[in-house]
Amino acid sequence: MEASLKVKLNEDLKQALRDGDKVKLGTIRMVISAFKNAEMAKKAKLVTAAYKKAGITDLGVLEGHPEKELSAAQIAEIAQQAEFNDSDILAIFAKEIIQRRDSIDAYKKGNRPDLVAQEEAELAILLAYAPQVQLSRAEIAAAAQKVFAEVGAHGPNDKGKVMGKIMAELKGKADGKEINTVVTELLNTIH
């Protein structure tokens, strides 16, 4: 069984530290930090939802009232739901890759070759973790057609329903801009 992406990142972090590779070390730390922050935000959202479900809308009333706190089982379930899997981490990588490409373009326009070189080095490291095979336009279209049938899409007004579902299905497998373009084109052809 292949090691999870979290394990691989931690192993690569240790290796970069041993090798003294500051760029790789910084890039991996940045990705780990990004997914841990995203996990914490997801966990906070789940905890808030659990309290609301229990009828507690003002979280300030919890102080001094331990009987209103969540049970250990509820906390364990929330922690498990909030934990990122490989596809969630790959989505972080995709976001960081897009950010690096945008920064490279901006730095080139600003005539900052030093910053371009830094961003390109980080981009190369990020790309090493990204899936090597991205879905083709035809594969995205096929997935979109399947989602159209599932949600009953009848035109451009249904884009919100379609995008939510297809982005979850294709997370880390295709570029979001490409998915958006394909879905928009296909929805515009439905009458």
Protein backbone atom coordinates (compact mmCIF):
# COMPACT_ATOMS: atom_id res chain seq x y z
CA MET A 1 0.00 0.00 0.00
CA GLU A 2 1.32 3.42 -0.95
CA ALA A 3 2.05 5.80 1.91
CA SER A 4 -0.39 8.65 2.32
CA LEU A 5 0.57 12.07 1.08
CA LYS A 6 0.82 13.35 4.66
CA VAL A 7 3.40 10.69 5.50
CA LYS A 8 5.34 11.38 2.31
CA LEU A 9 5.35 15.12 2.99
CA ASN A 10 6.68 14.59 6.52
CA GLU A 11 9.38 12.21 5.26
CA ASP A 12 10.38 14.66 2.53
CA LEU A 13 10.40 17.50 5.06
CA LYS A 14 12.87 15.59 7.24
CA GLN A 15 15.02 14.76 4.20
CA ALA A 16 15.06 18.39 3.03
CA LEU A 17 16.11 19.41 6.54
CA ARG A 18 18.95 16.85 6.51
CA ASP A 19 20.00 17.95 3.00
CA GLY A 20 19.86 21.62 3.87
CA ASP A 21 17.52 22.27 0.92
CA LYS A 22 15.96 25.53 2.10
CA VAL A 23 13.65 25.97 -0.88
CA LYS A 24 12.17 22.48 -0.61
CA LEU A 25 11.98 22.75 3.16
CA GLY A 26 10.13 26.07 2.98
CA THR A 27 7.78 24.88 0.25
CA ILE A 28 6.84 21.68 2.09
CA ARG A 29 6.35 23.59 5.35
CA MET A 30 4.09 26.03 3.52
CA VAL A 31 1.93 23.18 2.14
CA ILE A 32 1.74 21.41 5.50
CA SER A 33 0.77 24.68 7.15
CA ALA A 34 -1.88 25.36 4.49
CA PHE A 35 -3.57 21.99 4.90
CA LYS A 36 -3.37 22.10 8.72
CA ASN A 37 -4.99 25.56 8.68
CA ALA A 38 -7.69 24.26 6.34
CA GLU A 39 -8.27 21.25 8.62
CA MET A 40 -8.63 23.54 11.65
CA ALA A 41 -11.10 25.75 9.80
CA LYS A 42 -13.11 22.70 8.74
CA LYS A 43 -13.07 21.36 12.31
CA ALA A 44 -14.23 24.72 13.71
CA LYS A 45 -17.08 24.78 11.21
CA LEU A 46 -18.11 21.22 12.18
CA VAL A 47 -17.96 22.04 15.92
CA THR A 48 -20.09 25.13 15.41
CA ALA A 49 -22.60 23.07 13.41
CA ALA A 50 -22.69 20.42 16.17
CA TYR A 51 -23.41 23.05 18.82
CA LYS A 52 -26.13 24.61 16.66
CA LYS A 53 -27.66 21.16 16.20
CA ALA A 54 -27.68 20.81 20.00
CA GLY A 55 -29.56 24.12 20.19
CA ILE A 56 -26.62 26.24 21.33
CA THR A 57 -26.32 29.26 19.07
CA ASP A 58 -24.37 31.53 21.44
CA LEU A 59 -21.05 29.79 22.02
CA GLY A 60 -20.33 32.20 24.88
CA VAL A 61 -22.85 30.36 27.10
CA LEU A 62 -20.60 27.30 27.13
CA GLU A 63 -18.23 28.84 29.67
CA GLY A 64 -19.02 27.37 33.07
CA HIS A 65 -21.57 24.95 31.65
CA PRO A 66 -19.67 21.73 30.91
CA GLU A 67 -22.91 19.78 30.56
CA LYS A 68 -23.50 21.68 27.32
CA GLU A 69 -20.17 20.67 25.83
CA LEU A 70 -19.87 17.99 23.19
CA SER A 71 -19.29 14.40 24.22
CA ALA A 72 -15.96 12.68 23.62
CA ALA A 73 -17.60 10.58 20.91
CA GLN A 74 -18.89 13.70 19.16
CA ILE A 75 -15.46 15.33 19.34
CA ALA A 76 -13.79 12.20 17.96
CA GLU A 77 -16.29 12.05 15.10
CA ILE A 78 -15.71 15.73 14.26
CA ALA A 79 -11.93 15.25 14.34
CA GLN A 80 -12.24 12.31 11.95
CA GLN A 81 -14.52 14.25 9.58
CA ALA A 82 -12.18 17.26 9.61
CA GLU A 83 -9.04 15.26 8.82
CA PHE A 84 -7.80 15.82 5.31
CA ASN A 85 -7.25 12.90 2.97
CA ASP A 86 -4.93 12.79 -0.04
CA SER A 87 -7.46 14.35 -2.42
CA ASP A 88 -7.94 17.28 -0.02
CA ILE A 89 -4.18 17.78 0.16
CA LEU A 90 -3.90 17.54 -3.63
CA ALA A 91 -6.47 20.32 -3.84
CA ILE A 92 -4.16 22.44 -1.66
CA PHE A 93 -1.30 21.61 -4.03
CA ALA A 94 -3.43 22.62 -7.02
CA LYS A 95 -4.26 25.93 -5.36
CA GLU A 96 -0.60 26.59 -4.54
CA ILE A 97 0.46 25.67 -8.09
CA ILE A 98 -2.02 28.17 -9.54
CA GLN A 99 -0.79 30.79 -7.09
CA ARG A 100 2.85 30.21 -8.13
CA ARG A 101 2.00 30.43 -11.83
CA ASP A 102 0.11 33.68 -11.27
CA SER A 103 3.03 35.07 -9.24
CA ILE A 104 5.52 34.10 -11.94
CA ASP A 105 3.48 36.00 -14.54
CA ALA A 106 3.21 39.04 -12.28
CA TYR A 107 6.92 39.04 -11.45
CA LYS A 108 7.84 38.70 -15.11
CA LYS A 109 5.69 41.73 -15.91
CA GLY A 110 7.31 43.58 -13.01
CA ASN A 111 10.81 42.66 -14.27
CA ARG A 112 11.74 40.79 -11.07
CA PRO A 113 13.89 37.86 -12.25
CA ASP A 114 14.99 37.09 -8.69
CA LEU A 115 11.40 36.50 -7.57
CA VAL A 116 10.57 34.63 -10.78
CA ALA A 117 13.42 32.19 -10.04
CA GLN A 118 12.18 31.67 -6.45
CA GLU A 119 8.60 31.02 -7.57
CA GLU A 120 9.74 28.67 -10.36
CA ALA A 121 11.81 26.65 -7.87
CA GLU A 122 8.80 26.33 -5.56
CA LEU A 123 6.56 25.46 -8.51
CA ALA A 124 8.88 22.62 -9.55
CA ILE A 125 8.67 21.16 -6.03
CA LEU A 126 4.88 21.47 -5.95
CA LEU A 127 4.51 19.87 -9.38
CA ALA A 128 6.45 16.83 -8.16
CA TYR A 129 3.55 16.05 -5.80
CA ALA A 130 0.71 16.85 -8.18
CA PRO A 131 -0.96 14.05 -10.12
CA GLN A 132 1.00 13.54 -13.31
CA VAL A 133 -2.06 12.86 -15.41
CA GLN A 134 -4.71 15.54 -15.49
CA LEU A 135 -8.06 14.70 -17.02
CA SER A 136 -8.51 15.62 -20.65
CA ARG A 137 -11.20 18.00 -21.85
CA ALA A 138 -13.22 15.02 -23.15
CA GLU A 139 -13.00 13.27 -19.76
CA ILE A 140 -14.13 16.44 -17.99
CA ALA A 141 -17.05 16.73 -20.45
CA ALA A 142 -18.05 13.12 -19.80
CA ALA A 143 -17.98 13.68 -16.03
CA ALA A 144 -20.00 16.87 -16.51
CA GLN A 145 -22.66 15.07 -18.57
CA LYS A 146 -22.98 12.48 -15.80
CA VAL A 147 -23.41 15.22 -13.19
CA PHE A 148 -25.97 17.01 -15.42
CA ALA A 149 -28.08 13.83 -15.40
CA GLU A 150 -27.68 13.39 -11.62
CA VAL A 151 -28.73 16.94 -10.70
CA GLY A 152 -31.20 17.40 -13.57
CA ALA A 153 -29.40 20.36 -15.15
CA HIS A 154 -31.42 22.14 -17.82
CA GLY A 155 -29.26 25.13 -18.66
CA PRO A 156 -26.91 27.86 -17.43
CA ASN A 157 -29.09 28.57 -14.38
CA ASP A 158 -28.12 25.16 -12.96
CA LYS A 159 -24.38 25.90 -13.00
CA GLY A 160 -24.17 26.25 -9.20
CA LYS A 161 -25.62 22.79 -8.59
CA VAL A 162 -23.37 21.24 -11.23
CA MET A 163 -20.14 22.97 -10.18
CA GLY A 164 -20.46 22.00 -6.52
CA LYS A 165 -20.83 18.34 -7.36
CA ILE A 166 -18.31 18.11 -10.21
CA MET A 167 -15.60 20.03 -8.34
CA ALA A 168 -15.91 17.55 -5.47
CA GLU A 169 -15.65 14.61 -7.87
CA LEU A 170 -12.70 15.97 -9.89
CA LYS A 171 -10.77 17.58 -7.03
CA GLY A 172 -7.06 17.27 -7.76
CA LYS A 173 -7.70 15.54 -11.09
CA ALA A 174 -8.32 18.59 -13.29
CA ASP A 175 -7.79 22.33 -13.25
CA GLY A 176 -10.77 24.22 -11.83
CA LYS A 177 -10.68 26.83 -14.59
CA GLU A 178 -10.83 24.11 -17.23
CA ILE A 179 -13.73 22.40 -15.44
CA ASN A 180 -15.57 25.73 -15.25
CA THR A 181 -15.00 26.40 -18.95
CA VAL A 182 -16.24 22.96 -20.03
CA VAL A 183 -19.31 23.07 -17.76
CA THR A 184 -20.22 26.58 -18.96
CA GLU A 185 -19.90 25.59 -22.62
CA LEU A 186 -21.97 22.44 -22.15
CA LEU A 187 -24.68 24.16 -20.13
CA ASN A 188 -25.02 26.82 -22.83
CA THR A 189 -25.78 24.10 -25.39
CA ILE A 190 -28.66 22.62 -23.36
CA HIS A 191 -32.06 23.97 -24.38
